[in-house]
Amino acid sequence: MIPKFMAFSDSTDPELLKSILEPLLEDFQYWFERSLTFLKTNDIPFLGLERQADLIDRVTQAKQEVAAAQALFKATGGQVGVEVAALAPWHHLVSECWQVANRFRQENPARPIEN
């Protein structure tokens, strides 16, 4: 999925947008990076190899989409944002990764987790 971007009018407060969108995109990058590290360094039996590889692929794709959004936001001086509809799948994916990690920790309480 290619994120949908939207241009803002002169009446849009660029500082407000910057204070909200910039850290949000940074958070997505942080959690996608952590998720990739976790998924690539741990064998997760309840997922199986195919589902684990699919999740890695989806996180990698989302990370690239967020990077594109960050680059465009920066290149336009904060005059372009990301539609909320594009943020929802990223949020869902982060939540899915958290659920996988939580289940992994519950099923392997004595095992140190690589992340």
PDB file of N, CA and C in Angstrom:
ATOM      1  N   MET A   1       0.837  -1.176   0.000  1.00  0.00           N
ATOM      2  CA  MET A   1       0.000   0.000   0.000  1.00  0.00           C
ATOM      3  C   MET A   1       0.881   1.238   0.000  1.00  0.00           C
ATOM      4  N   ILE A   2       0.597   2.150  -0.869  1.00  0.00           N
ATOM      5  CA  ILE A   2       1.312   3.417  -0.912  1.00  0.00           C
ATOM      6  C   ILE A   2       0.527   4.401  -0.057  1.00  0.00           C
ATOM      7  N   PRO A   3       1.164   5.033   0.926  1.00  0.00           N
ATOM      8  CA  PRO A   3       0.429   5.962   1.773  1.00  0.00           C
ATOM      9  C   PRO A   3      -0.096   7.135   0.961  1.00  0.00           C
ATOM     10  N   LYS A   4      -1.266   7.596   1.337  1.00  0.00           N
ATOM     11  CA  LYS A   4      -1.849   8.756   0.672  1.00  0.00           C
ATOM     12  C   LYS A   4      -1.430   9.997   1.432  1.00  0.00           C
ATOM     13  N   PHE A   5      -0.948  10.944   0.667  1.00  0.00           N
ATOM     14  CA  PHE A   5      -0.472  12.185   1.258  1.00  0.00           C
ATOM     15  C   PHE A   5      -1.474  13.286   0.970  1.00  0.00           C
ATOM     16  N   MET A   6      -1.441  14.296   1.776  1.00  0.00           N
ATOM     17  CA  MET A   6      -2.322  15.426   1.572  1.00  0.00           C
ATOM     18  C   MET A   6      -1.566  16.714   1.819  1.00  0.00           C
ATOM     19  N   ALA A   7      -1.802  17.668   0.946  1.00  0.00           N
ATOM     20  CA  ALA A   7      -1.179  18.983   1.097  1.00  0.00           C
ATOM     21  C   ALA A   7      -2.037  19.818   2.029  1.00  0.00           C
ATOM     22  N   PHE A   8      -1.411  20.698   2.747  1.00  0.00           N
ATOM     23  CA  PHE A   8      -2.124  21.556   3.677  1.00  0.00           C
ATOM     24  C   PHE A   8      -2.128  22.983   3.179  1.00  0.00           C
ATOM     25  N   SER A   9      -3.178  23.664   3.509  1.00  0.00           N
ATOM     26  CA  SER A   9      -3.305  25.056   3.096  1.00  0.00           C
ATOM     27  C   SER A   9      -2.455  25.943   3.989  1.00  0.00           C
ATOM     28  N   ASP A  10      -2.368  27.193   3.603  1.00  0.00           N
ATOM     29  CA  ASP A  10      -1.590  28.145   4.395  1.00  0.00           C
ATOM     30  C   ASP A  10      -2.169  28.340   5.789  1.00  0.00           C
ATOM     31  N   SER A  11      -3.468  28.030   5.949  1.00  0.00           N
ATOM     32  CA  SER A  11      -4.096  28.230   7.248  1.00  0.00           C
ATOM     33  C   SER A  11      -3.777  27.093   8.225  1.00  0.00           C
ATOM     34  N   THR A  12      -3.235  25.991   7.726  1.00  0.00           N
ATOM     35  CA  THR A  12      -2.853  24.892   8.598  1.00  0.00           C
ATOM     36  C   THR A  12      -1.611  25.294   9.379  1.00  0.00           C
ATOM     37  N   ASP A  13      -1.647  25.068  10.677  1.00  0.00           N
ATOM     38  CA  ASP A  13      -0.527  25.426  11.537  1.00  0.00           C
ATOM     39  C   ASP A  13       0.596  24.397  11.360  1.00  0.00           C
ATOM     40  N   PRO A  14       1.684  24.779  10.669  1.00  0.00           N
ATOM     41  CA  PRO A  14       2.760  23.809  10.414  1.00  0.00           C
ATOM     42  C   PRO A  14       3.447  23.330  11.690  1.00  0.00           C
ATOM     43  N   GLU A  15       3.502  24.180  12.697  1.00  0.00           N
ATOM     44  CA  GLU A  15       4.137  23.770  13.954  1.00  0.00           C
ATOM     45  C   GLU A  15       3.294  22.715  14.671  1.00  0.00           C
ATOM     46  N   LEU A  16       1.985  22.882  14.619  1.00  0.00           N
ATOM     47  CA  LEU A  16       1.101  21.891  15.231  1.00  0.00           C
ATOM     48  C   LEU A  16       1.240  20.554  14.508  1.00  0.00           C
ATOM     49  N   LEU A  17       1.219  20.599  13.181  1.00  0.00           N
ATOM     50  CA  LEU A  17       1.373  19.387  12.387  1.00  0.00           C
ATOM     51  C   LEU A  17       2.719  18.731  12.676  1.00  0.00           C
ATOM     52  N   LYS A  18       3.765  19.542  12.721  1.00  0.00           N
ATOM     53  CA  LYS A  18       5.101  19.016  12.993  1.00  0.00           C
ATOM     54  C   LYS A  18       5.164  18.378  14.376  1.00  0.00           C
ATOM     55  N   SER A  19       4.520  18.995  15.350  1.00  0.00           N
ATOM     56  CA  SER A  19       4.572  18.479  16.719  1.00  0.00           C
ATOM     57  C   SER A  19       3.781  17.185  16.883  1.00  0.00           C
ATOM     58  N   ILE A  20       2.870  16.906  15.964  1.00  0.00           N
ATOM     59  CA  ILE A  20       2.067  15.685  16.047  1.00  0.00           C
ATOM     60  C   ILE A  20       2.582  14.613  15.091  1.00  0.00           C
ATOM     61  N   LEU A  21       2.698  14.963  13.825  1.00  0.00           N
ATOM     62  CA  LEU A  21       3.022  13.967  12.807  1.00  0.00           C
ATOM     63  C   LEU A  21       4.462  13.490  12.874  1.00  0.00           C
ATOM     64  N   GLU A  22       5.386  14.407  13.082  1.00  0.00           N
ATOM     65  CA  GLU A  22       6.801  14.021  13.095  1.00  0.00           C
ATOM     66  C   GLU A  22       7.099  12.971  14.172  1.00  0.00           C
ATOM     67  N   PRO A  23       6.681  13.183  15.442  1.00  0.00           N
ATOM     68  CA  PRO A  23       6.955  12.148  16.450  1.00  0.00           C
ATOM     69  C   PRO A  23       6.165  10.857  16.208  1.00  0.00           C
ATOM     70  N   LEU A  24       4.984  10.987  15.626  1.00  0.00           N
ATOM     71  CA  LEU A  24       4.199   9.794  15.331  1.00  0.00           C
ATOM     72  C   LEU A  24       4.914   8.916  14.311  1.00  0.00           C
ATOM     73  N   LEU A  25       5.433   9.523  13.262  1.00  0.00           N
ATOM     74  CA  LEU A  25       6.178   8.769  12.253  1.00  0.00           C
ATOM     75  C   LEU A  25       7.452   8.174  12.841  1.00  0.00           C
ATOM     76  N   GLU A  26       8.113   8.914  13.735  1.00  0.00           N
ATOM     77  CA  GLU A  26       9.305   8.387  14.408  1.00  0.00           C
ATOM     78  C   GLU A  26       8.948   7.180  15.275  1.00  0.00           C
ATOM     79  N   ASP A  27       7.797   7.242  15.950  1.00  0.00           N
ATOM     80  CA  ASP A  27       7.354   6.111  16.762  1.00  0.00           C
ATOM     81  C   ASP A  27       7.095   4.883  15.901  1.00  0.00           C
ATOM     82  N   PHE A  28       6.434   5.080  14.765  1.00  0.00           N
ATOM     83  CA  PHE A  28       6.215   3.950  13.862  1.00  0.00           C
ATOM     84  C   PHE A  28       7.545   3.330  13.449  1.00  0.00           C
ATOM     85  N   GLN A  29       8.513   4.161  13.088  1.00  0.00           N
ATOM     86  CA  GLN A  29       9.826   3.638  12.682  1.00  0.00           C
ATOM     87  C   GLN A  29      10.472   2.849  13.828  1.00  0.00           C
ATOM     88  N   TYR A  30      10.394   3.388  15.021  1.00  0.00           N
ATOM     89  CA  TYR A  30      10.979   2.732  16.187  1.00  0.00           C
ATOM     90  C   TYR A  30      10.362   1.350  16.392  1.00  0.00           C
ATOM     91  N   TRP A  31       9.031   1.283  16.412  1.00  0.00           N
ATOM     92  CA  TRP A  31       8.360   0.019  16.680  1.00  0.00           C
ATOM     93  C   TRP A  31       8.510  -0.968  15.530  1.00  0.00           C
ATOM     94  N   PHE A  32       8.542  -0.488  14.293  1.00  0.00           N
ATOM     95  CA  PHE A  32       8.772  -1.399  13.175  1.00  0.00           C
ATOM     96  C   PHE A  32      10.195  -1.958  13.223  1.00  0.00           C
ATOM     97  N   GLU A  33      11.156  -1.130  13.585  1.00  0.00           N
ATOM     98  CA  GLU A  33      12.544  -1.610  13.691  1.00  0.00           C
ATOM     99  C   GLU A  33      12.671  -2.648  14.804  1.00  0.00           C
ATOM    100  N   ARG A  34      12.089  -2.360  15.951  1.00  0.00           N
ATOM    101  CA  ARG A  34      12.116  -3.331  17.058  1.00  0.00           C
ATOM    102  C   ARG A  34      11.437  -4.626  16.667  1.00  0.00           C
ATOM    103  N   SER A  35      10.308  -4.510  15.971  1.00  0.00           N
ATOM    104  CA  SER A  35       9.565  -5.696  15.541  1.00  0.00           C
ATOM    105  C   SER A  35      10.392  -6.531  14.574  1.00  0.00           C
ATOM    106  N   LEU A  36      11.053  -5.865  13.627  1.00  0.00           N
ATOM    107  CA  LEU A  36      11.892  -6.597  12.682  1.00  0.00           C
ATOM    108  C   LEU A  36      13.019  -7.326  13.396  1.00  0.00           C
ATOM    109  N   THR A  37      13.658  -6.660  14.325  1.00  0.00           N
ATOM    110  CA  THR A  37      14.734  -7.286  15.084  1.00  0.00           C
ATOM    111  C   THR A  37      14.211  -8.507  15.826  1.00  0.00           C
ATOM    112  N   PHE A  38      13.088  -8.354  16.492  1.00  0.00           N
ATOM    113  CA  PHE A  38      12.483  -9.463  17.238  1.00  0.00           C
ATOM    114  C   PHE A  38      12.130 -10.622  16.304  1.00  0.00           C
ATOM    115  N   LEU A  39      11.463 -10.308  15.189  1.00  0.00           N
ATOM    116  CA  LEU A  39      11.012 -11.352  14.269  1.00  0.00           C
ATOM    117  C   LEU A  39      12.167 -12.068  13.572  1.00  0.00           C
ATOM    118  N   LYS A  40      13.238 -11.358  13.316  1.00  0.00           N
ATOM    119  CA  LYS A  40      14.374 -11.958  12.610  1.00  0.00           C
ATOM    120  C   LYS A  40      15.321 -12.727  13.529  1.00  0.00           C
ATOM    121  N   THR A  41      15.253 -12.472  14.832  1.00  0.00           N
ATOM    122  CA  THR A  41      16.212 -13.099  15.744  1.00  0.00           C
ATOM    123  C   THR A  41      15.584 -14.141  16.662  1.00  0.00           C
ATOM    124  N   ASN A  42      14.294 -14.365  16.539  1.00  0.00           N
ATOM    125  CA  ASN A  42      13.627 -15.349  17.387  1.00  0.00           C
ATOM    126  C   ASN A  42      12.849 -16.337  16.534  1.00  0.00           C
ATOM    127  N   ASP A  43      12.932 -17.600  16.904  1.00  0.00           N
ATOM    128  CA  ASP A  43      12.107 -18.631  16.292  1.00  0.00           C
ATOM    129  C   ASP A  43      10.766 -18.599  17.023  1.00  0.00           C
ATOM    130  N   ILE A  44       9.686 -18.358  16.291  1.00  0.00           N
ATOM    131  CA  ILE A  44       8.376 -18.195  16.909  1.00  0.00           C
ATOM    132  C   ILE A  44       7.485 -19.347  16.436  1.00  0.00           C
ATOM    133  N   PRO A  45       7.515 -20.463  17.168  1.00  0.00           N
ATOM    134  CA  PRO A  45       6.826 -21.674  16.721  1.00  0.00           C
ATOM    135  C   PRO A  45       5.333 -21.503  16.448  1.00  0.00           C
ATOM    136  N   PHE A  46       4.632 -20.736  17.268  1.00  0.00           N
ATOM    137  CA  PHE A  46       3.186 -20.616  17.066  1.00  0.00           C
ATOM    138  C   PHE A  46       2.825 -19.862  15.790  1.00  0.00           C
ATOM    139  N   LEU A  47       3.768 -19.115  15.228  1.00  0.00           N
ATOM    140  CA  LEU A  47       3.517 -18.445  13.953  1.00  0.00           C
ATOM    141  C   LEU A  47       3.785 -19.370  12.771  1.00  0.00           C
ATOM    142  N   GLY A  48       4.817 -20.166  12.898  1.00  0.00           N
ATOM    143  CA  GLY A  48       5.259 -20.975  11.763  1.00  0.00           C
ATOM    144  C   GLY A  48       6.137 -20.116  10.858  1.00  0.00           C
ATOM    145  N   LEU A  49       6.963 -20.771  10.074  1.00  0.00           N
ATOM    146  CA  LEU A  49       7.926 -20.051   9.237  1.00  0.00           C
ATOM    147  C   LEU A  49       7.259 -19.164   8.198  1.00  0.00           C
ATOM    148  N   GLU A  50       6.194 -19.653   7.578  1.00  0.00           N
ATOM    149  CA  GLU A  50       5.536 -18.878   6.516  1.00  0.00           C
ATOM    150  C   GLU A  50       4.873 -17.612   7.068  1.00  0.00           C
ATOM    151  N   ARG A  51       4.156 -17.743   8.169  1.00  0.00           N
ATOM    152  CA  ARG A  51       3.498 -16.567   8.756  1.00  0.00           C
ATOM    153  C   ARG A  51       4.518 -15.586   9.320  1.00  0.00           C
ATOM    154  N   GLN A  52       5.615 -16.106   9.878  1.00  0.00           N
ATOM    155  CA  GLN A  52       6.662 -15.235  10.394  1.00  0.00           C
ATOM    156  C   GLN A  52       7.308 -14.461   9.245  1.00  0.00           C
ATOM    157  N   ALA A  53       7.578 -15.143   8.138  1.00  0.00           N
ATOM    158  CA  ALA A  53       8.163 -14.478   6.963  1.00  0.00           C
ATOM    159  C   ALA A  53       7.196 -13.435   6.401  1.00  0.00           C
ATOM    160  N   ASP A  54       5.902 -13.748   6.392  1.00  0.00           N
ATOM    161  CA  ASP A  54       4.900 -12.793   5.909  1.00  0.00           C
ATOM    162  C   ASP A  54       4.869 -11.554   6.799  1.00  0.00           C
ATOM    163  N   LEU A  55       4.927 -11.762   8.102  1.00  0.00           N
ATOM    164  CA  LEU A  55       4.917 -10.627   9.027  1.00  0.00           C
ATOM    165  C   LEU A  55       6.176  -9.782   8.845  1.00  0.00           C
ATOM    166  N   ILE A  56       7.306 -10.417   8.658  1.00  0.00           N
ATOM    167  CA  ILE A  56       8.547  -9.679   8.386  1.00  0.00           C
ATOM    168  C   ILE A  56       8.395  -8.841   7.123  1.00  0.00           C
ATOM    169  N   ASP A  57       7.834  -9.434   6.079  1.00  0.00           N
ATOM    170  CA  ASP A  57       7.632  -8.706   4.816  1.00  0.00           C
ATOM    171  C   ASP A  57       6.701  -7.509   5.000  1.00  0.00           C
ATOM    172  N   ARG A  58       5.616  -7.705   5.741  1.00  0.00           N
ATOM    173  CA  ARG A  58       4.667  -6.611   5.948  1.00  0.00           C
ATOM    174  C   ARG A  58       5.271  -5.485   6.779  1.00  0.00           C
ATOM    175  N   VAL A  59       6.047  -5.844   7.787  1.00  0.00           N
ATOM    176  CA  VAL A  59       6.699  -4.820   8.614  1.00  0.00           C
ATOM    177  C   VAL A  59       7.752  -4.079   7.787  1.00  0.00           C
ATOM    178  N   THR A  60       8.500  -4.791   6.980  1.00  0.00           N
ATOM    179  CA  THR A  60       9.502  -4.158   6.115  1.00  0.00           C
ATOM    180  C   THR A  60       8.841  -3.174   5.164  1.00  0.00           C
ATOM    181  N   GLN A  61       7.723  -3.580   4.560  1.00  0.00           N
ATOM    182  CA  GLN A  61       6.993  -2.701   3.641  1.00  0.00           C
ATOM    183  C   GLN A  61       6.469  -1.463   4.370  1.00  0.00           C
ATOM    184  N   ALA A  62       5.888  -1.660   5.529  1.00  0.00           N
ATOM    185  CA  ALA A  62       5.352  -0.526   6.293  1.00  0.00           C
ATOM    186  C   ALA A  62       6.475   0.423   6.703  1.00  0.00           C
ATOM    187  N   LYS A  63       7.612  -0.133   7.083  1.00  0.00           N
ATOM    188  CA  LYS A  63       8.766   0.703   7.461  1.00  0.00           C
ATOM    189  C   LYS A  63       9.200   1.574   6.286  1.00  0.00           C
ATOM    190  N   GLN A  64       9.185   1.010   5.086  1.00  0.00           N
ATOM    191  CA  GLN A  64       9.534   1.775   3.886  1.00  0.00           C
ATOM    192  C   GLN A  64       8.494   2.866   3.605  1.00  0.00           C
ATOM    193  N   GLU A  65       7.232   2.553   3.816  1.00  0.00           N
ATOM    194  CA  GLU A  65       6.176   3.545   3.619  1.00  0.00           C
ATOM    195  C   GLU A  65       6.326   4.708   4.592  1.00  0.00           C
ATOM    196  N   VAL A  66       6.621   4.386   5.836  1.00  0.00           N
ATOM    197  CA  VAL A  66       6.821   5.438   6.843  1.00  0.00           C
ATOM    198  C   VAL A  66       8.034   6.282   6.468  1.00  0.00           C
ATOM    199  N   ALA A  67       9.096   5.658   6.000  1.00  0.00           N
ATOM    200  CA  ALA A  67      10.293   6.400   5.585  1.00  0.00           C
ATOM    201  C   ALA A  67       9.959   7.349   4.438  1.00  0.00           C
ATOM    202  N   ALA A  68       9.128   6.890   3.497  1.00  0.00           N
ATOM    203  CA  ALA A  68       8.717   7.753   2.390  1.00  0.00           C
ATOM    204  C   ALA A  68       7.907   8.935   2.909  1.00  0.00           C
ATOM    205  N   ALA A  69       7.015   8.678   3.845  1.00  0.00           N
ATOM    206  CA  ALA A  69       6.208   9.756   4.429  1.00  0.00           C
ATOM    207  C   ALA A  69       7.103  10.752   5.164  1.00  0.00           C
ATOM    208  N   GLN A  70       8.075  10.257   5.902  1.00  0.00           N
ATOM    209  CA  GLN A  70       8.996  11.141   6.612  1.00  0.00           C
ATOM    210  C   GLN A  70       9.796  11.993   5.634  1.00  0.00           C
ATOM    211  N   ALA A  71      10.272  11.387   4.570  1.00  0.00           N
ATOM    212  CA  ALA A  71      11.075  12.120   3.583  1.00  0.00           C
ATOM    213  C   ALA A  71      10.240  13.205   2.910  1.00  0.00           C
ATOM    214  N   LEU A  72       9.017  12.883   2.543  1.00  0.00           N
ATOM    215  CA  LEU A  72       8.151  13.861   1.896  1.00  0.00           C
ATOM    216  C   LEU A  72       7.774  14.984   2.861  1.00  0.00           C
ATOM    217  N   PHE A  73       7.493  14.621   4.094  1.00  0.00           N
ATOM    218  CA  PHE A  73       7.156  15.618   5.104  1.00  0.00           C
ATOM    219  C   PHE A  73       8.321  16.590   5.290  1.00  0.00           C
ATOM    220  N   LYS A  74       9.527  16.046   5.368  1.00  0.00           N
ATOM    221  CA  LYS A  74      10.713  16.873   5.553  1.00  0.00           C
ATOM    222  C   LYS A  74      10.997  17.721   4.315  1.00  0.00           C
ATOM    223  N   ALA A  75      10.893  17.103   3.131  1.00  0.00           N
ATOM    224  CA  ALA A  75      11.204  17.811   1.880  1.00  0.00           C
ATOM    225  C   ALA A  75      10.250  18.976   1.608  1.00  0.00           C
ATOM    226  N   THR A  76       9.036  18.876   2.113  1.00  0.00           N
ATOM    227  CA  THR A  76       8.045  19.938   1.874  1.00  0.00           C
ATOM    228  C   THR A  76       7.955  20.911   3.038  1.00  0.00           C
ATOM    229  N   GLY A  77       8.851  20.763   3.985  1.00  0.00           N
ATOM    230  CA  GLY A  77       8.816  21.669   5.136  1.00  0.00           C
ATOM    231  C   GLY A  77       7.556  21.509   5.970  1.00  0.00           C
ATOM    232  N   GLY A  78       7.041  20.307   6.007  1.00  0.00           N
ATOM    233  CA  GLY A  78       5.853  20.037   6.815  1.00  0.00           C
ATOM    234  C   GLY A  78       4.554  20.436   6.167  1.00  0.00           C
ATOM    235  N   GLN A  79       4.571  20.680   4.878  1.00  0.00           N
ATOM    236  CA  GLN A  79       3.349  21.096   4.181  1.00  0.00           C
ATOM    237  C   GLN A  79       2.561  19.921   3.608  1.00  0.00           C
ATOM    238  N   VAL A  80       3.085  18.722   3.767  1.00  0.00           N
ATOM    239  CA  VAL A  80       2.391  17.517   3.300  1.00  0.00           C
ATOM    240  C   VAL A  80       2.293  16.561   4.476  1.00  0.00           C
ATOM    241  N   GLY A  81       1.094  16.035   4.690  1.00  0.00           N
ATOM    242  CA  GLY A  81       0.883  15.085   5.774  1.00  0.00           C
ATOM    243  C   GLY A  81       0.435  13.744   5.223  1.00  0.00           C
ATOM    244  N   VAL A  82       0.088  12.865   6.106  1.00  0.00           N
ATOM    245  CA  VAL A  82      -0.371  11.527   5.751  1.00  0.00           C
ATOM    246  C   VAL A  82      -1.838  11.418   6.138  1.00  0.00           C
ATOM    247  N   GLU A  83      -2.640  10.884   5.232  1.00  0.00           N
ATOM    248  CA  GLU A  83      -4.052  10.707   5.537  1.00  0.00           C
ATOM    249  C   GLU A  83      -4.206   9.704   6.673  1.00  0.00           C
ATOM    250  N   VAL A  84      -5.207   9.930   7.493  1.00  0.00           N
ATOM    251  CA  VAL A  84      -5.468   9.049   8.628  1.00  0.00           C
ATOM    252  C   VAL A  84      -5.685   7.616   8.157  1.00  0.00           C
ATOM    253  N   ALA A  85      -6.307   7.445   7.003  1.00  0.00           N
ATOM    254  CA  ALA A  85      -6.553   6.106   6.467  1.00  0.00           C
ATOM    255  C   ALA A  85      -5.247   5.342   6.227  1.00  0.00           C
ATOM    256  N   ALA A  86      -4.162   6.044   5.981  1.00  0.00           N
ATOM    257  CA  ALA A  86      -2.863   5.390   5.781  1.00  0.00           C
ATOM    258  C   ALA A  86      -2.224   5.023   7.120  1.00  0.00           C
ATOM    259  N   LEU A  87      -2.550   5.754   8.164  1.00  0.00           N
ATOM    260  CA  LEU A  87      -1.978   5.485   9.479  1.00  0.00           C
ATOM    261  C   LEU A  87      -2.598   4.249  10.131  1.00  0.00           C
ATOM    262  N   ALA A  88      -3.857   4.006   9.858  1.00  0.00           N
ATOM    263  CA  ALA A  88      -4.571   2.898  10.513  1.00  0.00           C
ATOM    264  C   ALA A  88      -3.912   1.540  10.273  1.00  0.00           C
ATOM    265  N   PRO A  89      -3.541   1.186   9.036  1.00  0.00           N
ATOM    266  CA  PRO A  89      -2.876  -0.107   8.847  1.00  0.00           C
ATOM    267  C   PRO A  89      -1.531  -0.203   9.577  1.00  0.00           C
ATOM    268  N   TRP A  90      -0.812   0.901   9.655  1.00  0.00           N
ATOM    269  CA  TRP A  90       0.458   0.891  10.391  1.00  0.00           C
ATOM    270  C   TRP A  90       0.200   0.618  11.867  1.00  0.00           C
ATOM    271  N   HIS A  91      -0.798   1.281  12.398  1.00  0.00           N
ATOM    272  CA  HIS A  91      -1.151   1.087  13.803  1.00  0.00           C
ATOM    273  C   HIS A  91      -1.566  -0.361  14.054  1.00  0.00           C
ATOM    274  N   HIS A  92      -2.366  -0.903  13.162  1.00  0.00           N
ATOM    275  CA  HIS A  92      -2.811  -2.293  13.295  1.00  0.00           C
ATOM    276  C   HIS A  92      -1.611  -3.248  13.255  1.00  0.00           C
ATOM    277  N   LEU A  93      -0.669  -2.982  12.387  1.00  0.00           N
ATOM    278  CA  LEU A  93       0.514  -3.839  12.249  1.00  0.00           C
ATOM    279  C   LEU A  93       1.386  -3.774  13.504  1.00  0.00           C
ATOM    280  N   VAL A  94       1.570  -2.596  14.055  1.00  0.00           N
ATOM    281  CA  VAL A  94       2.327  -2.469  15.308  1.00  0.00           C
ATOM    282  C   VAL A  94       1.627  -3.265  16.403  1.00  0.00           C
ATOM    283  N   SER A  95       0.308  -3.146  16.472  1.00  0.00           N
ATOM    284  CA  SER A  95      -0.468  -3.875  17.471  1.00  0.00           C
ATOM    285  C   SER A  95      -0.321  -5.385  17.281  1.00  0.00           C
ATOM    286  N   GLU A  96      -0.359  -5.841  16.036  1.00  0.00           N
ATOM    287  CA  GLU A  96      -0.178  -7.265  15.743  1.00  0.00           C
ATOM    288  C   GLU A  96       1.192  -7.741  16.214  1.00  0.00           C
ATOM    289  N   CYS A  97       2.218  -6.952  15.971  1.00  0.00           N
ATOM    290  CA  CYS A  97       3.575  -7.309  16.412  1.00  0.00           C
ATOM    291  C   CYS A  97       3.660  -7.359  17.926  1.00  0.00           C
ATOM    292  N   TRP A  98       3.024  -6.406  18.613  1.00  0.00           N
ATOM    293  CA  TRP A  98       3.020  -6.416  20.072  1.00  0.00           C
ATOM    294  C   TRP A  98       2.340  -7.681  20.595  1.00  0.00           C
ATOM    295  N   GLN A  99       1.246  -8.080  19.950  1.00  0.00           N
ATOM    296  CA  GLN A  99       0.526  -9.282  20.379  1.00  0.00           C
ATOM    297  C   GLN A  99       1.389 -10.524  20.205  1.00  0.00           C
ATOM    298  N   VAL A 100       2.104 -10.613  19.097  1.00  0.00           N
ATOM    299  CA  VAL A 100       3.000 -11.749  18.859  1.00  0.00           C
ATOM    300  C   VAL A 100       4.090 -11.773  19.930  1.00  0.00           C
ATOM    301  N   ALA A 101       4.709 -10.632  20.186  1.00  0.00           N
ATOM    302  CA  ALA A 101       5.775 -10.572  21.192  1.00  0.00           C
ATOM    303  C   ALA A 101       5.239 -10.911  22.586  1.00  0.00           C
ATOM    304  N   ASN A 102       4.053 -10.432  22.898  1.00  0.00           N
ATOM    305  CA  ASN A 102       3.453 -10.715  24.207  1.00  0.00           C
ATOM    306  C   ASN A 102       3.189 -12.214  24.357  1.00  0.00           C
ATOM    307  N   ARG A 103       2.619 -12.827  23.340  1.00  0.00           N
ATOM    308  CA  ARG A 103       2.361 -14.277  23.401  1.00  0.00           C
ATOM    309  C   ARG A 103       3.676 -15.037  23.509  1.00  0.00           C
ATOM    310  N   PHE A 104       4.672 -14.618  22.754  1.00  0.00           N
ATOM    311  CA  PHE A 104       5.984 -15.267  22.816  1.00  0.00           C
ATOM    312  C   PHE A 104       6.533 -15.216  24.238  1.00  0.00           C
ATOM    313  N   ARG A 105       6.433 -14.071  24.869  1.00  0.00           N
ATOM    314  CA  ARG A 105       6.940 -13.912  26.243  1.00  0.00           C
ATOM    315  C   ARG A 105       6.154 -14.786  27.220  1.00  0.00           C
ATOM    316  N   GLN A 106       4.841 -14.869  27.013  1.00  0.00           N
ATOM    317  CA  GLN A 106       4.017 -15.704  27.897  1.00  0.00           C
ATOM    318  C   GLN A 106       4.359 -17.182  27.748  1.00  0.00           C
ATOM    319  N   GLU A 107       4.636 -17.610  26.513  1.00  0.00           N
ATOM    320  CA  GLU A 107       4.938 -19.015  26.261  1.00  0.00           C
ATOM    321  C   GLU A 107       6.390 -19.368  26.563  1.00  0.00           C
ATOM    322  N   ASN A 108       7.249 -18.375  26.717  1.00  0.00           N
ATOM    323  CA  ASN A 108       8.672 -18.597  26.961  1.00  0.00           C
ATOM    324  C   ASN A 108       9.163 -17.693  28.085  1.00  0.00           C
ATOM    325  N   PRO A 109       8.599 -17.826  29.284  1.00  0.00           N
ATOM    326  CA  PRO A 109       8.941 -16.872  30.340  1.00  0.00           C
ATOM    327  C   PRO A 109      10.398 -16.924  30.799  1.00  0.00           C
ATOM    328  N   ALA A 110      11.047 -18.064  30.683  1.00  0.00           N
ATOM    329  CA  ALA A 110      12.435 -18.158  31.147  1.00  0.00           C
ATOM    330  C   ALA A 110      13.453 -17.832  30.053  1.00  0.00           C
ATOM    331  N   ARG A 111      12.984 -17.746  28.825  1.00  0.00           N
ATOM    332  CA  ARG A 111      13.893 -17.539  27.699  1.00  0.00           C
ATOM    333  C   ARG A 111      14.147 -16.052  27.493  1.00  0.00           C
ATOM    334  N   PRO A 112      15.412 -15.642  27.418  1.00  0.00           N
ATOM    335  CA  PRO A 112      15.682 -14.237  27.105  1.00  0.00           C
ATOM    336  C   PRO A 112      15.259 -13.951  25.671  1.00  0.00           C
ATOM    337  N   ILE A 113      14.706 -12.778  25.469  1.00  0.00           N
ATOM    338  CA  ILE A 113      14.197 -12.388  24.156  1.00  0.00           C
ATOM    339  C   ILE A 113      15.204 -11.498  23.466  1.00  0.00           C
ATOM    340  N   GLU A 114      15.474 -11.832  22.235  1.00  0.00           N
ATOM    341  CA  GLU A 114      16.348 -11.002  21.402  1.00  0.00           C
ATOM    342  C   GLU A 114      15.488  -9.908  20.803  1.00  0.00           C
ATOM    343  N   ASN A 115      15.803  -8.667  21.109  1.00  0.00           N
ATOM    344  CA  ASN A 115      15.104  -7.551  20.447  1.00  0.00           C
ATOM    345  C   ASN A 115      15.868  -6.306  20.554  1.00  0.00           C
TER     346      ASN A 115
END
